Amino acid sequence: MAEQVKKPIKITETILRDAHQSLIATRMSTEEMLPIVEKLDQVGYHSLECWGGATFDASLRFLKEDPWERLRKIKDRAKNTKLQMLFRGQNILGYSQYADDVVEYFVQKSIANGIDIIRIFDCLNDIRNLQTAVTAANKEKGHAQVALSYTLGDAYTLDYWKDMAKKIEEMGANSLCIKDMAGLLLPYTATELVQALKETVNIPIQLHTHYTSGVASMTYLKAVEAGVDVIDTAMSPFALGTSQPATEVMVETFKGTPYDTGFDQQLLAEIADYFRPLRDKALDSGLLNPKNLGVNIKTLLYQVPGGMLSNLTSQLKDLHAEDKYYEVLEEVPRVRKDLGECPLVTPSSQIVGTQAVMNVINGERYKMVPQQTKDVLSGKYGATVKPFNPEVQKKCIGDAEIITCRPADKIEPQLEKLKKECAQWTQQEEDVLSYALFPQVATEFFKYREAQQTGVDAKVADTKNGAYPV
């Protein structure tokens, strides 16, 4: 194999999206972000991830902010750097699938309001759930990046990842991201994976991981040496733990090497100084739990993402069954296997986790089955890499119809109906999309917005409760 051409490593900064989503439940407000955007814009990042994921829901639900307004304001201050968002394929930013017309309209409006790069993933790695969003991004002259949800298991061989990469390139993606949401990708495995993908496709390859298991910086080092084009990092006050490796540390690591970013550490220090009081405030209020800042080796032992671990803990606490924690952790891989060995990322991680809790609490597997588990087993989320456990499928859904086509083919166009439903609240075209994803939450926000505009005192929702997984 020819030696990789050495080149400066590009960096996507996650401080405005994944970093605070992972550490403080997506509670950083627009007001807290805006004063520092111009400095972030001077660094020379490949992109600024600032939107999508759970930011949309959290803005409306807890911060009483319009996410579209946030995007426009950031765009107004970031003149040089591309803005990036995370997009859950046919689920957009919600938890169920939407019709193609809603997906297309959301992509169109995201790009019109300032997004340059859309990172699109599917919780089952079902390519069919990605195509509509990729085609729409290409049509709007945006950059469509498709993310592979990285996971471990018998089915996930090097050949599987290479085959997926080829399909992603063929479907029109402009770049490929290895999305390691649980921090499972080990350093030498990263070398092997990146080299294999580099030999398979010609599009750029980006690597996204979390520090949860403690290996992320080493994984980045080996991936960069293997030829990865871009890595995701977070400014140090909101780095490590369940977030990403620290930007300044990775910049210093590659200084003086062929991968040197050329970033100004003095500028980065000024940016870190800005975010440090926000971190301190979050620690003081309890919003930032110190437990989320350490290494959780259980992530590697149980292959469970950090956000999912904290969800399981809180579920068991609510049920007064904290003593069942290890039983549930052992049940998670069994449920995952029953459900076709799916990757554990929103929403599949919540579905598998909740089912594992129910199986343990009830003392009988699949005695109680939430609707979302039934939806997975009936094919409503798409195809899994391995077949479902037929006995479990029979017990949970009986003789119900199994969907084998692309699930969205079963969904009639929704946009016009949604426009009519929220007509009384519509102040901008984008409002219908907020309503489409979160009807009740958006309606509450629209009422709040109207009250603010008319001068009626409206109670701001509590911004400390609730948790958002990756």
Protein backbone atom coordinates (compact mmCIF):
# COMPACT_ATOMS: atom_id res chain seq x y z
CA MET A 1 0.00 0.00 0.00
CA ALA A 2 1.27 3.50 -0.89
CA GLU A 3 2.16 5.64 2.08
CA GLN A 4 -0.57 8.12 3.05
CA VAL A 5 0.08 11.70 1.98
CA LYS A 6 0.74 13.69 5.15
CA LYS A 7 -1.53 16.72 5.48
CA PRO A 8 -2.82 19.03 8.23
CA ILE A 9 -5.67 17.42 10.14
CA LYS A 10 -8.98 19.28 9.89
CA ILE A 11 -11.12 19.78 12.99
CA THR A 12 -14.86 20.10 13.56
CA GLU A 13 -15.58 21.97 16.80
CA THR A 14 -18.50 20.52 18.80
CA ILE A 15 -18.73 23.05 21.66
CA LEU A 16 -21.99 24.53 20.35
CA ARG A 17 -23.75 21.16 19.94
CA ASP A 18 -22.49 17.76 20.99
CA ALA A 19 -20.21 18.93 23.80
CA HIS A 20 -23.00 20.56 25.81
CA GLN A 21 -25.52 17.93 24.70
CA SER A 22 -23.28 15.24 26.15
CA LEU A 23 -22.36 17.01 29.39
CA ILE A 24 -25.18 19.40 30.33
CA ALA A 25 -28.25 17.95 28.56
CA THR A 26 -28.11 20.51 25.70
CA ARG A 27 -28.79 23.45 28.00
CA MET A 28 -26.39 26.06 26.61
CA SER A 29 -28.54 28.97 25.48
CA THR A 30 -28.19 31.08 22.34
CA GLU A 31 -27.40 34.07 24.54
CA GLU A 32 -24.46 32.15 26.05
CA MET A 33 -23.17 31.13 22.60
CA LEU A 34 -23.33 34.33 20.58
CA PRO A 35 -20.61 36.45 22.26
CA ILE A 36 -17.91 33.89 21.39
CA VAL A 37 -18.97 32.88 17.85
CA GLU A 38 -16.80 35.51 16.14
CA LYS A 39 -13.70 34.20 17.93
CA LEU A 40 -14.60 30.59 17.11
CA ASP A 41 -14.94 31.75 13.50
CA GLN A 42 -11.31 32.98 13.49
CA VAL A 43 -9.75 29.64 14.51
CA GLY A 44 -9.76 27.98 11.09
CA TYR A 45 -12.01 25.02 11.88
CA HIS A 46 -13.23 22.71 9.12
CA SER A 47 -16.72 23.33 10.55
CA LEU A 48 -18.62 24.40 13.65
CA GLU A 49 -21.21 21.86 14.75
CA CYS A 50 -23.94 24.03 16.22
CA TRP A 51 -27.36 22.55 15.43
CA GLY A 52 -29.40 19.37 15.15
CA GLY A 53 -29.22 16.41 17.49
CA ALA A 54 -31.10 17.33 20.67
CA THR A 55 -30.58 21.10 20.34
CA PHE A 56 -33.91 21.53 18.59
CA ASP A 57 -36.02 19.78 21.21
CA ALA A 58 -34.13 21.31 24.15
CA SER A 59 -34.39 24.85 22.72
CA LEU A 60 -38.16 24.64 22.41
CA ARG A 61 -38.87 22.53 25.50
CA PHE A 62 -36.52 23.86 28.16
CA LEU A 63 -34.93 27.09 26.98
CA LYS A 64 -38.06 28.58 25.35
CA GLU A 65 -35.99 29.55 22.31
CA ASP A 66 -36.63 29.28 18.60
CA PRO A 67 -33.95 26.93 17.20
CA TRP A 68 -34.27 28.53 13.75
CA GLU A 69 -33.52 31.94 15.23
CA ARG A 70 -30.43 30.47 16.95
CA LEU A 71 -29.14 29.14 13.64
CA ARG A 72 -29.66 32.46 11.86
CA LYS A 73 -27.88 34.39 14.63
CA ILE A 74 -24.88 32.05 14.63
CA LYS A 75 -24.70 32.22 10.84
CA ASP A 76 -24.71 36.00 11.03
CA ARG A 77 -21.54 35.93 13.19
CA ALA A 78 -19.70 32.99 11.58
CA LYS A 79 -18.59 34.52 8.28
CA ASN A 80 -15.70 32.17 7.48
CA THR A 81 -16.55 28.76 8.95
CA LYS A 82 -19.02 26.20 7.68
CA LEU A 83 -21.87 25.36 10.03
CA GLN A 84 -22.76 21.72 10.61
CA MET A 85 -25.75 19.85 12.01
CA LEU A 86 -26.66 16.28 13.02
CA PHE A 87 -29.70 14.79 11.28
CA ARG A 88 -31.34 11.42 12.09
CA GLY A 89 -32.19 10.39 8.52
CA GLN A 90 -35.88 9.71 8.06
CA ASN A 91 -36.41 10.56 11.77
CA ILE A 92 -35.04 14.11 11.11
CA LEU A 93 -34.50 15.28 14.73
CA GLY A 94 -37.41 13.35 16.23
CA TYR A 95 -37.97 9.79 17.38
CA SER A 96 -40.27 8.42 14.67
CA GLN A 97 -40.14 8.41 10.88
CA TYR A 98 -41.54 11.20 8.73
CA ALA A 99 -42.82 11.38 5.19
CA ASP A 100 -40.37 12.31 2.44
CA ASP A 101 -41.96 15.74 1.89
CA VAL A 102 -41.26 16.71 5.52
CA VAL A 103 -37.66 15.42 5.33
CA GLU A 104 -37.04 17.33 2.08
CA TYR A 105 -38.56 20.55 3.44
CA PHE A 106 -36.51 20.30 6.64
CA VAL A 107 -33.27 19.89 4.67
CA GLN A 108 -34.23 22.79 2.39
CA LYS A 109 -34.97 25.12 5.32
CA SER A 110 -31.87 24.04 7.29
CA ILE A 111 -29.61 24.99 4.39
CA ALA A 112 -31.58 28.20 3.66
CA ASN A 113 -31.12 29.29 7.30
CA GLY A 114 -27.38 28.71 7.37
CA ILE A 115 -26.38 25.04 7.56
CA ASP A 116 -23.57 24.03 5.19
CA ILE A 117 -22.88 20.41 6.21
CA ILE A 118 -25.60 17.95 7.20
CA ARG A 119 -24.36 14.82 8.97
CA ILE A 120 -27.03 12.19 8.32
CA PHE A 121 -27.24 8.89 10.19
CA ASP A 122 -29.70 6.08 10.82
CA CYS A 123 -29.90 4.16 14.10
CA LEU A 124 -29.97 0.82 12.25
CA ASN A 125 -27.50 1.78 9.49
CA ASP A 126 -30.34 1.14 7.03
CA ILE A 127 -29.20 2.95 3.88
CA ARG A 128 -32.80 3.29 2.69
CA ASN A 129 -33.53 5.66 5.58
CA LEU A 130 -30.74 8.02 4.46
CA GLN A 131 -31.34 8.45 0.74
CA THR A 132 -34.12 11.08 0.85
CA ALA A 133 -32.07 13.41 3.08
CA VAL A 134 -28.89 12.94 0.99
CA THR A 135 -30.72 13.66 -2.28
CA ALA A 136 -32.39 16.72 -0.73
CA ALA A 137 -29.05 18.09 0.56
CA ASN A 138 -27.46 17.61 -2.86
CA LYS A 139 -30.40 19.38 -4.51
CA GLU A 140 -29.98 22.38 -2.16
CA LYS A 141 -26.20 22.48 -2.87
CA GLY A 142 -25.44 21.50 0.74
CA HIS A 143 -22.75 19.05 1.83
CA ALA A 144 -24.29 15.66 2.60
CA GLN A 145 -22.16 13.70 5.03
CA VAL A 146 -23.39 10.20 5.84
CA ALA A 147 -22.45 8.76 9.22
CA LEU A 148 -22.01 5.08 9.93
CA SER A 149 -23.20 4.29 13.46
CA TYR A 150 -20.15 2.38 14.72
CA THR A 151 -20.78 -0.64 16.89
CA LEU A 152 -19.40 -4.07 17.77
CA GLY A 153 -20.80 -7.54 17.15
CA ASP A 154 -20.48 -10.61 14.93
CA ALA A 155 -22.10 -8.87 11.96
CA TYR A 156 -19.88 -5.78 12.05
CA THR A 157 -16.81 -7.03 10.21
CA LEU A 158 -14.33 -4.96 8.22
CA ASP A 159 -16.09 -6.18 5.07
CA TYR A 160 -19.42 -4.90 6.45
CA TRP A 161 -17.98 -1.39 6.98
CA LYS A 162 -16.30 -1.38 3.55
CA ASP A 163 -19.51 -2.48 1.87
CA MET A 164 -21.47 0.24 3.69
CA ALA A 165 -18.88 2.86 2.73
CA LYS A 166 -19.18 1.92 -0.95
CA LYS A 167 -22.97 2.22 -0.80
CA ILE A 168 -22.68 5.60 0.92
CA GLU A 169 -20.37 6.91 -1.79
CA GLU A 170 -22.69 5.58 -4.50
CA MET A 171 -25.78 7.22 -2.96
CA GLY A 172 -24.27 10.67 -3.47
CA ALA A 173 -22.69 11.47 -0.10
CA ASN A 174 -19.97 14.14 -0.19
CA SER A 175 -18.13 12.64 2.78
CA LEU A 176 -18.32 9.77 5.24
CA CYS A 177 -18.25 9.91 9.03
CA ILE A 178 -17.44 7.06 11.42
CA LYS A 179 -19.84 7.93 14.25
CA ASP A 180 -18.56 6.22 17.39
CA MET A 181 -21.26 7.39 19.80
CA ALA A 182 -20.25 5.03 22.62
CA GLY A 183 -16.46 5.42 22.49
CA LEU A 184 -15.98 1.78 21.46
CA LEU A 185 -13.43 2.31 18.67
CA LEU A 186 -10.00 1.32 20.00
CA PRO A 187 -6.77 2.91 18.68
CA TYR A 188 -5.37 0.04 16.63
CA THR A 189 -8.82 -0.91 15.36
CA ALA A 190 -9.13 2.70 14.17
CA THR A 191 -5.92 2.30 12.15
CA GLU A 192 -7.29 -0.82 10.50
CA LEU A 193 -10.76 0.67 9.86
CA VAL A 194 -9.56 4.01 8.46
CA GLN A 195 -7.01 2.35 6.18
CA ALA A 196 -9.64 -0.09 4.88
CA LEU A 197 -12.15 2.69 4.20
CA LYS A 198 -9.51 4.87 2.55
CA GLU A 199 -8.77 2.03 0.14
CA THR A 200 -12.49 1.57 -0.54
CA VAL A 201 -13.82 5.10 -1.19
CA ASN A 202 -12.55 8.39 -2.56
CA ILE A 203 -14.69 10.74 -0.47
CA PRO A 204 -13.21 12.35 2.69
CA ILE A 205 -13.53 10.43 5.98
CA GLN A 206 -14.29 12.08 9.33
CA LEU A 207 -14.12 10.45 12.76
CA HIS A 208 -16.45 11.30 15.64
CA THR A 209 -16.07 9.68 19.04
CA HIS A 210 -16.73 10.27 22.75
CA TYR A 211 -14.27 10.15 25.64
CA THR A 212 -16.57 8.00 27.78
CA SER A 213 -14.34 4.91 27.73
CA GLY A 214 -11.07 6.87 28.03
CA VAL A 215 -9.49 5.91 24.68
CA ALA A 216 -10.70 8.69 22.37
CA SER A 217 -7.52 10.81 22.09
CA MET A 218 -5.40 7.72 21.37
CA THR A 219 -7.97 6.62 18.81
CA TYR A 220 -7.75 10.02 17.09
CA LEU A 221 -3.95 9.87 17.03
CA LYS A 222 -3.95 6.47 15.29
CA ALA A 223 -6.79 7.47 12.93
CA VAL A 224 -4.96 10.63 11.86
CA GLU A 225 -1.78 8.65 11.20
CA ALA A 226 -3.90 6.23 9.15
CA GLY A 227 -5.16 9.06 6.95
CA VAL A 228 -8.49 10.23 8.40
CA ASP A 229 -9.34 13.70 7.05
CA VAL A 230 -11.29 15.34 9.90
CA ILE A 231 -11.76 14.74 13.64
CA ASP A 232 -14.38 16.14 16.05
CA THR A 233 -13.14 17.88 19.20
CA ALA A 234 -14.56 20.11 21.96
CA MET A 235 -13.05 23.15 23.67
CA SER A 236 -11.50 21.96 26.95
CA PRO A 237 -14.09 23.35 29.44
CA PHE A 238 -16.70 21.07 27.84
CA ALA A 239 -14.41 18.23 26.72
CA LEU A 240 -13.69 14.70 28.01
CA GLY A 241 -16.08 12.49 29.95
CA THR A 242 -19.13 11.82 27.78
CA SER A 243 -18.02 14.61 25.40
CA GLN A 244 -15.17 14.69 22.83
CA PRO A 245 -11.37 14.99 23.28
CA ALA A 246 -10.17 18.55 23.97
CA THR A 247 -9.49 20.73 20.95
CA GLU A 248 -6.38 22.40 22.42
CA VAL A 249 -4.82 19.06 23.37
CA MET A 250 -5.24 17.59 19.88
CA VAL A 251 -3.93 20.81 18.30
CA GLU A 252 -0.81 20.68 20.51
CA THR A 253 -0.38 16.94 19.85
CA PHE A 254 -0.04 17.50 16.10
CA LYS A 255 2.03 20.71 16.37
CA GLY A 256 5.29 20.49 14.44
CA THR A 257 4.18 17.32 12.64
CA PRO A 258 2.91 16.93 9.07
CA TYR A 259 -0.60 17.00 10.59
CA ASP A 260 -0.12 20.44 12.24
CA THR A 261 -3.42 22.37 12.26
CA GLY A 262 -1.70 25.76 12.42
CA PHE A 263 -4.29 26.89 15.00
CA ASP A 264 -3.35 29.72 17.37
CA GLN A 265 -3.24 28.37 20.94
CA GLN A 266 -3.53 31.92 22.32
CA LEU A 267 -6.87 32.34 20.51
CA LEU A 268 -8.01 28.92 21.73
CA ALA A 269 -7.04 29.91 25.30
CA GLU A 270 -9.23 33.04 25.03
CA ILE A 271 -12.15 30.90 23.84
CA ALA A 272 -11.60 28.42 26.69
CA ASP A 273 -11.57 31.33 29.16
CA TYR A 274 -14.98 32.35 27.88
CA PHE A 275 -16.51 28.88 28.38
CA ARG A 276 -14.93 28.11 31.76
CA PRO A 277 -17.41 30.19 33.84
CA LEU A 278 -20.27 28.46 32.00
CA ARG A 279 -18.83 25.12 33.05
CA ASP A 280 -18.40 26.31 36.65
CA LYS A 281 -21.99 27.55 36.72
CA ALA A 282 -23.21 24.16 35.42
CA LEU A 283 -21.17 22.34 38.10
CA ASP A 284 -22.49 24.62 40.86
CA SER A 285 -26.12 24.18 39.79
CA GLY A 286 -25.81 20.39 39.44
CA LEU A 287 -26.54 20.57 35.71
CA LEU A 288 -23.06 19.17 35.06
CA ASN A 289 -22.72 15.94 37.01
CA PRO A 290 -19.04 15.26 37.88
CA LYS A 291 -19.73 11.56 37.18
CA ASN A 292 -20.06 12.47 33.49
CA LEU A 293 -16.49 13.76 33.47
CA GLY A 294 -14.68 10.56 34.41
CA VAL A 295 -13.80 7.42 32.49
CA ASN A 296 -16.55 4.80 32.51
CA ILE A 297 -14.87 1.50 31.71
CA LYS A 298 -18.29 -0.21 31.74
CA THR A 299 -18.75 1.37 28.31
CA LEU A 300 -16.13 -1.02 26.90
CA LEU A 301 -17.27 -3.95 29.02
CA TYR A 302 -20.97 -3.65 28.14
CA GLN A 303 -20.76 -1.72 24.85
CA VAL A 304 -23.34 0.74 26.14
CA PRO A 305 -23.08 4.48 25.31
CA GLY A 306 -22.55 6.87 28.24
CA GLY A 307 -25.87 8.66 27.71
CA MET A 308 -27.65 5.33 27.78
CA LEU A 309 -25.91 4.34 31.04
CA SER A 310 -27.15 7.52 32.73
CA ASN A 311 -30.67 6.92 31.37
CA LEU A 312 -30.68 3.39 32.80
CA THR A 313 -29.53 4.71 36.18
CA SER A 314 -32.32 7.29 36.33
CA GLN A 315 -34.97 4.80 35.17
CA LEU A 316 -33.96 2.35 37.91
CA LYS A 317 -33.87 5.13 40.49
CA ASP A 318 -37.45 6.13 39.58
CA LEU A 319 -38.50 2.49 39.98
CA HIS A 320 -36.63 2.13 43.31
CA ALA A 321 -34.69 -0.72 41.74
CA GLU A 322 -31.12 0.59 41.71
CA ASP A 323 -29.92 -2.78 43.01
CA LYS A 324 -30.88 -4.25 39.59
CA TYR A 325 -28.29 -2.13 37.72
CA TYR A 326 -25.87 -4.94 36.88
CA GLU A 327 -28.68 -7.32 35.94
CA VAL A 328 -29.96 -4.70 33.49
CA LEU A 329 -26.46 -4.16 32.07
CA GLU A 330 -26.20 -7.89 31.41
CA GLU A 331 -29.67 -7.92 29.85
CA VAL A 332 -28.91 -5.08 27.40
CA PRO A 333 -26.71 -7.17 25.02
CA ARG A 334 -29.31 -9.98 25.09
CA VAL A 335 -32.12 -7.60 24.09
CA ARG A 336 -29.89 -6.04 21.47
CA LYS A 337 -29.25 -9.47 19.97
CA ASP A 338 -32.98 -10.25 19.97
CA LEU A 339 -33.55 -6.99 18.07
CA GLY A 340 -31.15 -7.84 15.25
CA GLU A 341 -27.91 -6.65 16.90
CA CYS A 342 -28.70 -3.01 16.14
CA PRO A 343 -26.24 -0.20 16.95
CA LEU A 344 -27.06 1.59 20.21
CA VAL A 345 -27.77 5.20 19.27
CA THR A 346 -30.89 7.38 19.49
CA PRO A 347 -33.57 6.07 19.31
CA SER A 348 -32.51 2.37 19.30
CA SER A 349 -30.46 2.83 22.49
CA GLN A 350 -33.49 4.08 24.44
CA ILE A 351 -35.67 1.28 23.05
CA VAL A 352 -33.19 -1.48 23.95
CA GLY A 353 -32.44 0.07 27.35
CA THR A 354 -36.09 0.47 28.36
CA GLN A 355 -36.89 -3.09 27.27
CA ALA A 356 -33.94 -4.44 29.27
CA VAL A 357 -35.19 -2.58 32.37
CA MET A 358 -38.72 -4.00 31.92
CA ASN A 359 -37.43 -7.53 31.39
CA VAL A 360 -35.46 -7.41 34.65
CA ILE A 361 -38.05 -5.57 36.77
CA ASN A 362 -40.90 -7.87 35.70
CA GLY A 363 -38.89 -11.03 36.26
CA GLU A 364 -39.98 -12.29 32.85
CA ARG A 365 -38.51 -11.38 29.49
CA TYR A 366 -40.90 -9.48 27.20
CA LYS A 367 -43.82 -9.71 29.61
CA MET A 368 -44.28 -5.97 29.09
CA VAL A 369 -43.39 -4.59 25.66
CA PRO A 370 -43.47 -0.85 24.83
CA GLN A 371 -44.85 0.20 21.45
CA GLN A 372 -41.40 1.23 20.21
CA THR A 373 -40.03 -2.30 20.73
CA LYS A 374 -42.99 -3.63 18.74
CA ASP A 375 -42.26 -1.07 16.03
CA VAL A 376 -38.65 -2.25 15.74
CA LEU A 377 -39.75 -5.89 15.54
CA SER A 378 -42.35 -5.12 12.88
CA GLY A 379 -39.82 -3.30 10.68
CA LYS A 380 -41.12 0.23 11.22
CA TYR A 381 -37.60 1.53 11.84
CA GLY A 382 -36.07 -0.38 8.94
CA ALA A 383 -33.89 -3.44 8.43
CA THR A 384 -31.34 -4.69 10.97
CA VAL A 385 -28.02 -6.32 10.12
CA LYS A 386 -29.07 -9.65 11.61
CA PRO A 387 -32.58 -11.18 11.75
CA PHE A 388 -34.75 -10.69 14.83
CA ASN A 389 -35.11 -13.54 17.33
CA PRO A 390 -38.23 -15.26 15.88
CA GLU A 391 -39.52 -16.39 19.29
CA VAL A 392 -39.24 -12.88 20.72
CA GLN A 393 -40.83 -11.41 17.61
CA LYS A 394 -43.77 -13.82 17.88
CA LYS A 395 -44.23 -13.15 21.62
CA CYS A 396 -44.15 -9.35 21.16
CA ILE A 397 -46.15 -8.77 17.97
CA GLY A 398 -47.90 -12.06 17.24
CA ASP A 399 -49.03 -12.22 13.62
CA ALA A 400 -48.81 -8.48 12.96
CA GLU A 401 -47.71 -7.36 9.50
CA ILE A 402 -43.93 -7.17 9.03
CA ILE A 403 -42.75 -4.23 6.93
CA THR A 404 -39.97 -5.23 4.53
CA CYS A 405 -40.02 -2.16 2.27
CA ARG A 406 -38.48 1.19 3.23
CA PRO A 407 -40.70 2.23 6.17
CA ALA A 408 -41.30 5.76 4.84
CA ASP A 409 -42.89 4.26 1.70
CA LYS A 410 -45.85 3.51 3.97
CA ILE A 411 -46.18 7.15 5.09
CA GLU A 412 -48.43 9.45 3.07
CA PRO A 413 -47.24 13.05 2.45
CA GLN A 414 -47.70 15.03 5.69
CA LEU A 415 -46.61 18.60 5.02
CA GLU A 416 -49.87 20.20 3.84
CA LYS A 417 -51.84 18.63 6.70
CA LEU A 418 -49.25 19.86 9.21
CA LYS A 419 -49.37 23.37 7.74
CA LYS A 420 -53.13 23.49 8.29
CA GLU A 421 -52.84 22.12 11.84
CA CYS A 422 -50.42 24.80 13.00
CA ALA A 423 -51.70 27.67 10.83
CA GLN A 424 -52.87 29.71 13.84
CA TRP A 425 -49.36 29.75 15.30
CA THR A 426 -47.32 30.23 12.12
CA GLN A 427 -45.15 33.36 12.12
CA GLN A 428 -42.45 31.98 9.81
CA GLU A 429 -42.41 29.11 7.32
CA GLU A 430 -40.08 27.11 9.56
CA ASP A 431 -42.67 26.92 12.35
CA VAL A 432 -44.43 24.04 10.60
CA LEU A 433 -41.24 21.99 10.91
CA SER A 434 -40.93 22.69 14.64
CA TYR A 435 -44.55 21.58 14.94
CA ALA A 436 -44.00 18.49 12.75
CA LEU A 437 -41.23 17.18 15.01
CA PHE A 438 -42.62 18.10 18.43
CA PRO A 439 -46.32 19.04 18.15
CA GLN A 440 -47.07 19.53 21.84
CA VAL A 441 -43.73 21.09 22.76
CA ALA A 442 -43.81 23.43 19.76
CA THR A 443 -47.39 24.49 20.51
CA GLU A 444 -46.41 25.35 24.09
CA PHE A 445 -43.48 27.35 22.72
CA PHE A 446 -45.72 29.17 20.21
CA LYS A 447 -48.08 30.12 23.05
CA TYR A 448 -45.13 31.36 25.10
CA ARG A 449 -43.78 33.33 22.11
CA GLU A 450 -47.15 34.96 21.53
CA ALA A 451 -47.45 35.86 25.23
CA GLN A 452 -44.00 37.46 25.14
CA GLN A 453 -44.89 39.46 22.04
CA THR A 454 -48.16 40.69 23.50
CA GLY A 455 -46.59 41.54 26.83
CA VAL A 456 -48.49 38.91 28.80
CA ASP A 457 -46.32 37.36 31.51
CA ALA A 458 -45.44 33.80 30.44
CA LYS A 459 -43.70 31.39 32.77
CA VAL A 460 -40.36 30.17 31.42
CA ALA A 461 -40.00 26.41 31.64
CA ASP A 462 -37.52 24.96 34.10
CA THR A 463 -34.24 24.47 32.25
CA LYS A 464 -32.67 21.96 34.60
CA ASN A 465 -34.79 18.86 34.28
CA GLY A 466 -34.74 16.26 31.55
CA ALA A 467 -31.87 14.48 29.81
CA TYR A 468 -30.90 14.09 26.21
CA PRO A 469 -28.92 11.17 24.86
CA VAL A 470 -26.73 11.37 21.77
